[in-house]
């Protein structure tokens, strides 16, 4: 089940502190998740990265240029939970 992000705080070094609707929270290194190319290129600028906000309709983080991140990937990064469709014994081999 997808967990929506309800709060996001930009931190130094391209990190975000995220809180999810189920109360899970923690930090994510965005630079480890996406290359800063294409739509993400402008996020290299600290001022642009800091302009992150939560879009309540999408349930994830977004930036003014339209960039967004998959909340399932972010939830997995924060909690260590497997991505939907990726968990279970079959994927541990």
PDB file of N, CA and C in Angstrom:
ATOM      1  N   UNK A   1       0.833  -1.189   0.000  1.00  0.00           N
ATOM      2  CA  UNK A   1       0.000   0.000   0.000  1.00  0.00           C
ATOM      3  C   UNK A   1       0.873   1.246   0.000  1.00  0.00           C
ATOM      4  N   UNK A   2       0.557   2.170  -0.861  1.00  0.00           N
ATOM      5  CA  UNK A   2       1.313   3.402  -0.993  1.00  0.00           C
ATOM      6  C   UNK A   2       1.090   4.303   0.211  1.00  0.00           C
ATOM      7  N   UNK A   3       2.178   4.845   0.745  1.00  0.00           N
ATOM      8  CA  UNK A   3       2.110   5.777   1.870  1.00  0.00           C
ATOM      9  C   UNK A   3       2.416   7.184   1.369  1.00  0.00           C
ATOM     10  N   UNK A   4       1.499   8.107   1.618  1.00  0.00           N
ATOM     11  CA  UNK A   4       1.705   9.492   1.201  1.00  0.00           C
ATOM     12  C   UNK A   4       2.694  10.199   2.111  1.00  0.00           C
ATOM     13  N   UNK A   5       3.445  11.113   1.529  1.00  0.00           N
ATOM     14  CA  UNK A   5       4.312  12.005   2.290  1.00  0.00           C
ATOM     15  C   UNK A   5       3.453  13.164   2.770  1.00  0.00           C
ATOM     16  N   UNK A   6       3.596  13.506   4.042  1.00  0.00           N
ATOM     17  CA  UNK A   6       2.808  14.609   4.597  1.00  0.00           C
ATOM     18  C   UNK A   6       3.666  15.807   4.990  1.00  0.00           C
ATOM     19  N   UNK A   7       4.980  15.619   5.080  1.00  0.00           N
ATOM     20  CA  UNK A   7       5.870  16.742   5.403  1.00  0.00           C
ATOM     21  C   UNK A   7       7.250  16.467   4.824  1.00  0.00           C
ATOM     22  N   UNK A   8       7.890  17.523   4.348  1.00  0.00           N
ATOM     23  CA  UNK A   8       9.242  17.425   3.795  1.00  0.00           C
ATOM     24  C   UNK A   8      10.027  18.664   4.181  1.00  0.00           C
ATOM     25  N   UNK A   9      11.226  18.443   4.679  1.00  0.00           N
ATOM     26  CA  UNK A   9      12.110  19.538   5.055  1.00  0.00           C
ATOM     27  C   UNK A   9      13.436  19.356   4.331  1.00  0.00           C
ATOM     28  N   UNK A  10      13.862  20.355   3.544  1.00  0.00           N
ATOM     29  CA  UNK A  10      15.163  20.230   2.887  1.00  0.00           C
ATOM     30  C   UNK A  10      16.293  20.380   3.904  1.00  0.00           C
ATOM     31  N   UNK A  11      17.323  19.573   3.723  1.00  0.00           N
ATOM     32  CA  UNK A  11      18.505  19.609   4.575  1.00  0.00           C
ATOM     33  C   UNK A  11      19.730  19.827   3.693  1.00  0.00           C
ATOM     34  N   UNK A  12      20.873  20.055   4.308  1.00  0.00           N
ATOM     35  CA  UNK A  12      22.112  20.230   3.554  1.00  0.00           C
ATOM     36  C   UNK A  12      22.460  18.964   2.780  1.00  0.00           C
ATOM     37  N   UNK A  13      23.238  19.143   1.720  1.00  0.00           N
ATOM     38  CA  UNK A  13      23.772  18.009   0.974  1.00  0.00           C
ATOM     39  C   UNK A  13      22.737  17.215   0.201  1.00  0.00           C
ATOM     40  N   UNK A  14      21.690  17.854  -0.287  1.00  0.00           N
ATOM     41  CA  UNK A  14      20.645  17.209  -1.093  1.00  0.00           C
ATOM     42  C   UNK A  14      19.883  16.129  -0.317  1.00  0.00           C
ATOM     43  N   UNK A  15      19.738  16.352   0.972  1.00  0.00           N
ATOM     44  CA  UNK A  15      18.955  15.445   1.804  1.00  0.00           C
ATOM     45  C   UNK A  15      17.594  16.069   2.092  1.00  0.00           C
ATOM     46  N   UNK A  16      16.610  15.204   2.272  1.00  0.00           N
ATOM     47  CA  UNK A  16      15.276  15.623   2.710  1.00  0.00           C
ATOM     48  C   UNK A  16      14.912  14.847   3.960  1.00  0.00           C
ATOM     49  N   UNK A  17      14.287  15.540   4.910  1.00  0.00           N
ATOM     50  CA  UNK A  17      13.673  14.843   6.035  1.00  0.00           C
ATOM     51  C   UNK A  17      12.199  14.699   5.674  1.00  0.00           C
ATOM     52  N   UNK A  18      11.719  13.446   5.635  1.00  0.00           N
ATOM     53  CA  UNK A  18      10.355  13.160   5.212  1.00  0.00           C
ATOM     54  C   UNK A  18       9.552  12.544   6.338  1.00  0.00           C
ATOM     55  N   UNK A  19       8.264  12.889   6.385  1.00  0.00           N
ATOM     56  CA  UNK A  19       7.316  12.240   7.291  1.00  0.00           C
ATOM     57  C   UNK A  19       6.172  11.712   6.442  1.00  0.00           C
ATOM     58  N   UNK A  20       5.803  10.464   6.690  1.00  0.00           N
ATOM     59  CA  UNK A  20       4.745   9.799   5.945  1.00  0.00           C
ATOM     60  C   UNK A  20       3.471   9.728   6.781  1.00  0.00           C
ATOM     61  N   UNK A  21       2.357   9.463   6.097  1.00  0.00           N
ATOM     62  CA  UNK A  21       1.054   9.457   6.753  1.00  0.00           C
ATOM     63  C   UNK A  21       0.944   8.431   7.871  1.00  0.00           C
ATOM     64  N   UNK A  22       1.764   7.385   7.836  1.00  0.00           N
ATOM     65  CA  UNK A  22       1.703   6.376   8.887  1.00  0.00           C
ATOM     66  C   UNK A  22       2.624   6.699  10.064  1.00  0.00           C
ATOM     67  N   UNK A  23       3.278   7.878  10.026  1.00  0.00           N
ATOM     68  CA  UNK A  23       4.158   8.304  11.107  1.00  0.00           C
ATOM     69  C   UNK A  23       5.623   7.978  10.880  1.00  0.00           C
ATOM     70  N   UNK A  24       5.931   7.150   9.904  1.00  0.00           N
ATOM     71  CA  UNK A  24       7.337   6.862   9.592  1.00  0.00           C
ATOM     72  C   UNK A  24       8.017   8.140   9.149  1.00  0.00           C
ATOM     73  N   UNK A  25       9.245   8.323   9.570  1.00  0.00           N
ATOM     74  CA  UNK A  25       9.996   9.490   9.124  1.00  0.00           C
ATOM     75  C   UNK A  25      11.479   9.207   9.154  1.00  0.00           C
ATOM     76  N   UNK A  26      12.198   9.977   8.353  1.00  0.00           N
ATOM     77  CA  UNK A  26      13.638   9.836   8.276  1.00  0.00           C
ATOM     78  C   UNK A  26      14.195  10.657   7.134  1.00  0.00           C
ATOM     79  N   UNK A  27      15.494  10.550   6.954  1.00  0.00           N
ATOM     80  CA  UNK A  27      16.192  11.334   5.942  1.00  0.00           C
ATOM     81  C   UNK A  27      16.480  10.503   4.707  1.00  0.00           C
ATOM     82  N   UNK A  28      16.448  11.172   3.556  1.00  0.00           N
ATOM     83  CA  UNK A  28      16.734  10.556   2.265  1.00  0.00           C
ATOM     84  C   UNK A  28      17.761  11.424   1.545  1.00  0.00           C
ATOM     85  N   UNK A  29      18.776  10.775   0.975  1.00  0.00           N
ATOM     86  CA  UNK A  29      19.770  11.466   0.154  1.00  0.00           C
ATOM     87  C   UNK A  29      19.279  11.419  -1.293  1.00  0.00           C
ATOM     88  N   UNK A  30      18.725  12.515  -1.762  1.00  0.00           N
ATOM     89  CA  UNK A  30      18.164  12.567  -3.110  1.00  0.00           C
ATOM     90  C   UNK A  30      19.256  12.349  -4.155  1.00  0.00           C
ATOM     91  N   UNK A  31      20.460  12.807  -3.890  1.00  0.00           N
ATOM     92  CA  UNK A  31      21.542  12.645  -4.866  1.00  0.00           C
ATOM     93  C   UNK A  31      21.909  11.179  -5.079  1.00  0.00           C
ATOM     94  N   UNK A  32      21.565  10.311  -4.156  1.00  0.00           N
ATOM     95  CA  UNK A  32      21.810   8.879  -4.305  1.00  0.00           C
ATOM     96  C   UNK A  32      20.688   8.194  -5.089  1.00  0.00           C
ATOM     97  N   UNK A  33      19.557   8.883  -5.245  1.00  0.00           N
ATOM     98  CA  UNK A  33      18.397   8.290  -5.913  1.00  0.00           C
ATOM     99  C   UNK A  33      18.247   8.703  -7.370  1.00  0.00           C
ATOM    100  N   UNK A  34      18.644   9.926  -7.701  1.00  0.00           N
ATOM    101  CA  UNK A  34      18.454  10.421  -9.065  1.00  0.00           C
ATOM    102  C   UNK A  34      19.702  11.154  -9.542  1.00  0.00           C
ATOM    103  N   UNK A  35      20.011  11.027 -10.825  1.00  0.00           N
ATOM    104  CA  UNK A  35      21.092  11.849 -11.377  1.00  0.00           C
ATOM    105  C   UNK A  35      20.556  13.270 -11.570  1.00  0.00           C
ATOM    106  N   UNK A  36      21.376  14.240 -11.356  1.00  0.00           N
ATOM    107  CA  UNK A  36      20.930  15.624 -11.535  1.00  0.00           C
ATOM    108  C   UNK A  36      21.070  16.021 -13.000  1.00  0.00           C
ATOM    109  N   UNK A  37      20.286  15.336 -13.845  1.00  0.00           N
ATOM    110  CA  UNK A  37      20.220  15.615 -15.271  1.00  0.00           C
ATOM    111  C   UNK A  37      18.753  15.754 -15.649  1.00  0.00           C
ATOM    112  N   UNK A  38      18.501  16.214 -16.856  1.00  0.00           N
ATOM    113  CA  UNK A  38      17.123  16.363 -17.307  1.00  0.00           C
ATOM    114  C   UNK A  38      16.323  17.256 -16.378  1.00  0.00           C
ATOM    115  N   UNK A  39      15.127  16.808 -16.015  1.00  0.00           N
ATOM    116  CA  UNK A  39      14.249  17.606 -15.155  1.00  0.00           C
ATOM    117  C   UNK A  39      14.860  17.827 -13.765  1.00  0.00           C
ATOM    118  N   UNK A  40      15.790  16.961 -13.375  1.00  0.00           N
ATOM    119  CA  UNK A  40      16.411  17.080 -12.053  1.00  0.00           C
ATOM    120  C   UNK A  40      17.654  17.970 -12.053  1.00  0.00           C
ATOM    121  N   UNK A  41      18.121  18.426 -13.218  1.00  0.00           N
ATOM    122  CA  UNK A  41      19.357  19.212 -13.307  1.00  0.00           C
ATOM    123  C   UNK A  41      19.303  20.473 -12.447  1.00  0.00           C
ATOM    124  N   UNK A  42      18.173  21.153 -12.431  1.00  0.00           N
ATOM    125  CA  UNK A  42      18.083  22.407 -11.668  1.00  0.00           C
ATOM    126  C   UNK A  42      18.144  22.180 -10.159  1.00  0.00           C
ATOM    127  N   UNK A  43      17.943  20.941  -9.721  1.00  0.00           N
ATOM    128  CA  UNK A  43      17.992  20.662  -8.283  1.00  0.00           C
ATOM    129  C   UNK A  43      19.409  20.727  -7.728  1.00  0.00           C
ATOM    130  N   UNK A  44      20.406  20.799  -8.620  1.00  0.00           N
ATOM    131  CA  UNK A  44      21.787  20.996  -8.159  1.00  0.00           C
ATOM    132  C   UNK A  44      21.944  22.345  -7.461  1.00  0.00           C
ATOM    133  N   UNK A  45      21.100  23.287  -7.841  1.00  0.00           N
ATOM    134  CA  UNK A  45      21.146  24.613  -7.209  1.00  0.00           C
ATOM    135  C   UNK A  45      20.493  24.520  -5.827  1.00  0.00           C
ATOM    136  N   UNK A  46      21.227  24.856  -4.765  1.00  0.00           N
ATOM    137  CA  UNK A  46      20.681  24.726  -3.408  1.00  0.00           C
ATOM    138  C   UNK A  46      19.355  25.465  -3.200  1.00  0.00           C
ATOM    139  N   UNK A  47      19.216  26.631  -3.832  1.00  0.00           N
ATOM    140  CA  UNK A  47      17.967  27.395  -3.660  1.00  0.00           C
ATOM    141  C   UNK A  47      16.785  26.656  -4.285  1.00  0.00           C
ATOM    142  N   UNK A  48      17.021  26.035  -5.426  1.00  0.00           N
ATOM    143  CA  UNK A  48      15.956  25.286  -6.087  1.00  0.00           C
ATOM    144  C   UNK A  48      15.637  24.017  -5.306  1.00  0.00           C
ATOM    145  N   UNK A  49      16.658  23.317  -4.850  1.00  0.00           N
ATOM    146  CA  UNK A  49      16.427  22.113  -4.062  1.00  0.00           C
ATOM    147  C   UNK A  49      15.613  22.439  -2.814  1.00  0.00           C
ATOM    148  N   UNK A  50      15.921  23.553  -2.189  1.00  0.00           N
ATOM    149  CA  UNK A  50      15.227  23.962  -0.961  1.00  0.00           C
ATOM    150  C   UNK A  50      13.780  24.369  -1.206  1.00  0.00           C
ATOM    151  N   UNK A  51      13.382  24.552  -2.462  1.00  0.00           N
ATOM    152  CA  UNK A  51      12.003  24.944  -2.784  1.00  0.00           C
ATOM    153  C   UNK A  51      11.053  23.744  -2.815  1.00  0.00           C
ATOM    154  N   UNK A  52      11.504  22.594  -2.334  1.00  0.00           N
ATOM    155  CA  UNK A  52      10.676  21.391  -2.306  1.00  0.00           C
ATOM    156  C   UNK A  52       9.405  21.640  -1.497  1.00  0.00           C
ATOM    157  N   UNK A  53       8.325  20.989  -1.930  1.00  0.00           N
ATOM    158  CA  UNK A  53       7.073  21.042  -1.163  1.00  0.00           C
ATOM    159  C   UNK A  53       6.356  19.713  -1.339  1.00  0.00           C
ATOM    160  N   UNK A  54       5.373  19.477  -0.507  1.00  0.00           N
ATOM    161  CA  UNK A  54       4.560  18.271  -0.622  1.00  0.00           C
ATOM    162  C   UNK A  54       3.308  18.620  -1.411  1.00  0.00           C
ATOM    163  N   UNK A  55       3.033  17.844  -2.444  1.00  0.00           N
ATOM    164  CA  UNK A  55       1.790  17.985  -3.190  1.00  0.00           C
ATOM    165  C   UNK A  55       0.807  16.982  -2.590  1.00  0.00           C
ATOM    166  N   UNK A  56      -0.224  17.470  -1.887  1.00  0.00           N
ATOM    167  CA  UNK A  56      -1.144  16.549  -1.215  1.00  0.00           C
ATOM    168  C   UNK A  56      -1.943  15.674  -2.172  1.00  0.00           C
ATOM    169  N   UNK A  57      -2.151  16.133  -3.387  1.00  0.00           N
ATOM    170  CA  UNK A  57      -2.877  15.299  -4.358  1.00  0.00           C
ATOM    171  C   UNK A  57      -2.020  14.139  -4.851  1.00  0.00           C
ATOM    172  N   UNK A  58      -0.734  14.400  -5.050  1.00  0.00           N
ATOM    173  CA  UNK A  58       0.175  13.347  -5.499  1.00  0.00           C
ATOM    174  C   UNK A  58       0.716  12.518  -4.339  1.00  0.00           C
ATOM    175  N   UNK A  59       0.731  13.111  -3.146  1.00  0.00           N
ATOM    176  CA  UNK A  59       1.257  12.409  -1.983  1.00  0.00           C
ATOM    177  C   UNK A  59       2.757  12.276  -1.970  1.00  0.00           C
ATOM    178  N   UNK A  60       3.427  13.189  -2.678  1.00  0.00           N
ATOM    179  CA  UNK A  60       4.884  13.119  -2.743  1.00  0.00           C
ATOM    180  C   UNK A  60       5.486  14.521  -2.801  1.00  0.00           C
ATOM    181  N   UNK A  61       6.811  14.554  -2.860  1.00  0.00           N
ATOM    182  CA  UNK A  61       7.531  15.820  -2.937  1.00  0.00           C
ATOM    183  C   UNK A  61       7.606  16.280  -4.384  1.00  0.00           C
ATOM    184  N   UNK A  62       7.522  17.595  -4.572  1.00  0.00           N
ATOM    185  CA  UNK A  62       7.600  18.207  -5.899  1.00  0.00           C
ATOM    186  C   UNK A  62       8.427  19.484  -5.805  1.00  0.00           C
ATOM    187  N   UNK A  63       8.927  19.895  -6.955  1.00  0.00           N
ATOM    188  CA  UNK A  63       9.672  21.151  -7.059  1.00  0.00           C
ATOM    189  C   UNK A  63       8.982  22.042  -8.076  1.00  0.00           C
ATOM    190  N   UNK A  64       9.267  23.342  -8.048  1.00  0.00           N
ATOM    191  CA  UNK A  64       8.584  24.281  -8.947  1.00  0.00           C
ATOM    192  C   UNK A  64       8.707  23.960 -10.433  1.00  0.00           C
ATOM    193  N   UNK A  65       9.769  23.274 -10.845  1.00  0.00           N
ATOM    194  CA  UNK A  65       9.946  22.967 -12.271  1.00  0.00           C
ATOM    195  C   UNK A  65       9.163  21.729 -12.705  1.00  0.00           C
ATOM    196  N   UNK A  66       8.418  21.109 -11.797  1.00  0.00           N
ATOM    197  CA  UNK A  66       7.625  19.937 -12.128  1.00  0.00           C
ATOM    198  C   UNK A  66       8.266  18.609 -11.756  1.00  0.00           C
ATOM    199  N   UNK A  67       9.499  18.628 -11.284  1.00  0.00           N
ATOM    200  CA  UNK A  67      10.154  17.389 -10.855  1.00  0.00           C
ATOM    201  C   UNK A  67       9.439  16.834  -9.631  1.00  0.00           C
ATOM    202  N   UNK A  68       9.321  15.514  -9.582  1.00  0.00           N
ATOM    203  CA  UNK A  68       8.781  14.861  -8.392  1.00  0.00           C
ATOM    204  C   UNK A  68       9.464  13.515  -8.234  1.00  0.00           C
ATOM    205  N   UNK A  69       9.289  12.906  -7.082  1.00  0.00           N
ATOM    206  CA  UNK A  69       9.898  11.612  -6.801  1.00  0.00           C
ATOM    207  C   UNK A  69       8.825  10.613  -6.397  1.00  0.00           C
ATOM    208  N   UNK A  70       9.045   9.363  -6.730  1.00  0.00           N
ATOM    209  CA  UNK A  70       8.109   8.289  -6.421  1.00  0.00           C
ATOM    210  C   UNK A  70       8.032   8.095  -4.905  1.00  0.00           C
ATOM    211  N   UNK A  71       6.855   8.255  -4.305  1.00  0.00           N
ATOM    212  CA  UNK A  71       6.758   8.109  -2.853  1.00  0.00           C
ATOM    213  C   UNK A  71       7.074   6.693  -2.373  1.00  0.00           C
ATOM    214  N   UNK A  72       6.853   5.674  -3.198  1.00  0.00           N
ATOM    215  CA  UNK A  72       7.180   4.301  -2.800  1.00  0.00           C
ATOM    216  C   UNK A  72       8.689   4.132  -2.644  1.00  0.00           C
ATOM    217  N   UNK A  73       9.453   4.730  -3.555  1.00  0.00           N
ATOM    218  CA  UNK A  73      10.911   4.667  -3.471  1.00  0.00           C
ATOM    219  C   UNK A  73      11.390   5.402  -2.231  1.00  0.00           C
ATOM    220  N   UNK A  74      10.805   6.550  -1.955  1.00  0.00           N
ATOM    221  CA  UNK A  74      11.193   7.327  -0.784  1.00  0.00           C
ATOM    222  C   UNK A  74      10.837   6.593   0.503  1.00  0.00           C
ATOM    223  N   UNK A  75       9.657   5.978   0.545  1.00  0.00           N
ATOM    224  CA  UNK A  75       9.239   5.221   1.726  1.00  0.00           C
ATOM    225  C   UNK A  75      10.201   4.051   1.969  1.00  0.00           C
ATOM    226  N   UNK A  76      10.563   3.368   0.910  1.00  0.00           N
ATOM    227  CA  UNK A  76      11.504   2.265   1.028  1.00  0.00           C
ATOM    228  C   UNK A  76      12.858   2.758   1.529  1.00  0.00           C
ATOM    229  N   UNK A  77      13.307   3.907   1.042  1.00  0.00           N
ATOM    230  CA  UNK A  77      14.587   4.465   1.470  1.00  0.00           C
ATOM    231  C   UNK A  77      14.576   4.823   2.951  1.00  0.00           C
ATOM    232  N   UNK A  78      13.458   5.341   3.423  1.00  0.00           N
ATOM    233  CA  UNK A  78      13.349   5.759   4.827  1.00  0.00           C
ATOM    234  C   UNK A  78      13.183   4.566   5.754  1.00  0.00           C
ATOM    235  N   UNK A  79      12.333   3.618   5.373  1.00  0.00           N
ATOM    236  CA  UNK A  79      11.964   2.538   6.297  1.00  0.00           C
ATOM    237  C   UNK A  79      12.700   1.226   6.059  1.00  0.00           C
ATOM    238  N   UNK A  80      13.258   1.047   4.873  1.00  0.00           N
ATOM    239  CA  UNK A  80      13.870  -0.227   4.531  1.00  0.00           C
ATOM    240  C   UNK A  80      12.860  -1.248   4.034  1.00  0.00           C
ATOM    241  N   UNK A  81      11.586  -0.839   3.949  1.00  0.00           N
ATOM    242  CA  UNK A  81      10.547  -1.734   3.439  1.00  0.00           C
ATOM    243  C   UNK A  81      10.797  -2.007   1.967  1.00  0.00           C
ATOM    244  N   UNK A  82      10.489  -3.218   1.502  1.00  0.00           N
ATOM    245  CA  UNK A  82      10.679  -3.500   0.076  1.00  0.00           C
ATOM    246  C   UNK A  82       9.725  -2.683  -0.776  1.00  0.00           C
ATOM    247  N   UNK A  83      10.165  -2.380  -1.967  1.00  0.00           N
ATOM    248  CA  UNK A  83       9.297  -1.692  -2.911  1.00  0.00           C
ATOM    249  C   UNK A  83       8.135  -2.606  -3.270  1.00  0.00           C
ATOM    250  N   UNK A  84       6.955  -2.043  -3.539  1.00  0.00           N
ATOM    251  CA  UNK A  84       5.826  -2.890  -3.934  1.00  0.00           C
ATOM    252  C   UNK A  84       6.205  -3.767  -5.117  1.00  0.00           C
ATOM    253  N   UNK A  85       5.896  -5.057  -4.988  1.00  0.00           N
ATOM    254  CA  UNK A  85       6.219  -5.997  -6.046  1.00  0.00           C
ATOM    255  C   UNK A  85       7.648  -6.502  -6.002  1.00  0.00           C
ATOM    256  N   UNK A  86       8.437  -6.009  -5.037  1.00  0.00           N
ATOM    257  CA  UNK A  86       9.839  -6.402  -4.978  1.00  0.00           C
ATOM    258  C   UNK A  86      10.176  -7.184  -3.709  1.00  0.00           C
ATOM    259  N   UNK A  87       9.215  -7.337  -2.806  1.00  0.00           N
ATOM    260  CA  UNK A  87       9.491  -8.007  -1.530  1.00  0.00           C
ATOM    261  C   UNK A  87       9.308  -9.497  -1.618  1.00  0.00           C
ATOM    262  N   UNK A  88       9.553 -10.136  -0.510  1.00  0.00           N
ATOM    263  CA  UNK A  88       9.298 -11.561  -0.419  1.00  0.00           C
ATOM    264  C   UNK A  88      10.539 -12.398  -0.698  1.00  0.00           C
ATOM    265  N   UNK A  89      10.384 -13.697  -0.455  1.00  0.00           N
ATOM    266  CA  UNK A  89      11.515 -14.630  -0.540  1.00  0.00           C
ATOM    267  C   UNK A  89      12.063 -14.749  -1.965  1.00  0.00           C
ATOM    268  N   UNK A  90      11.207 -14.617  -2.966  1.00  0.00           N
ATOM    269  CA  UNK A  90      11.677 -14.764  -4.339  1.00  0.00           C
ATOM    270  C   UNK A  90      12.738 -13.750  -4.708  1.00  0.00           C
ATOM    271  N   UNK A  91      12.690 -12.580  -4.078  1.00  0.00           N
ATOM    272  CA  UNK A  91      13.623 -11.506  -4.428  1.00  0.00           C
ATOM    273  C   UNK A  91      14.855 -11.507  -3.537  1.00  0.00           C
ATOM    274  N   UNK A  92      14.882 -12.388  -2.539  1.00  0.00           N
ATOM    275  CA  UNK A  92      16.023 -12.439  -1.635  1.00  0.00           C
ATOM    276  C   UNK A  92      17.104 -13.380  -2.149  1.00  0.00           C
ATOM    277  N   UNK A  93      16.853 -14.095  -3.196  1.00  0.00           N
ATOM    278  CA  UNK A  93      17.841 -15.066  -3.701  1.00  0.00           C
ATOM    279  C   UNK A  93      18.871 -14.435  -4.567  1.00  0.00           C
TER     280      UNK A  93
END
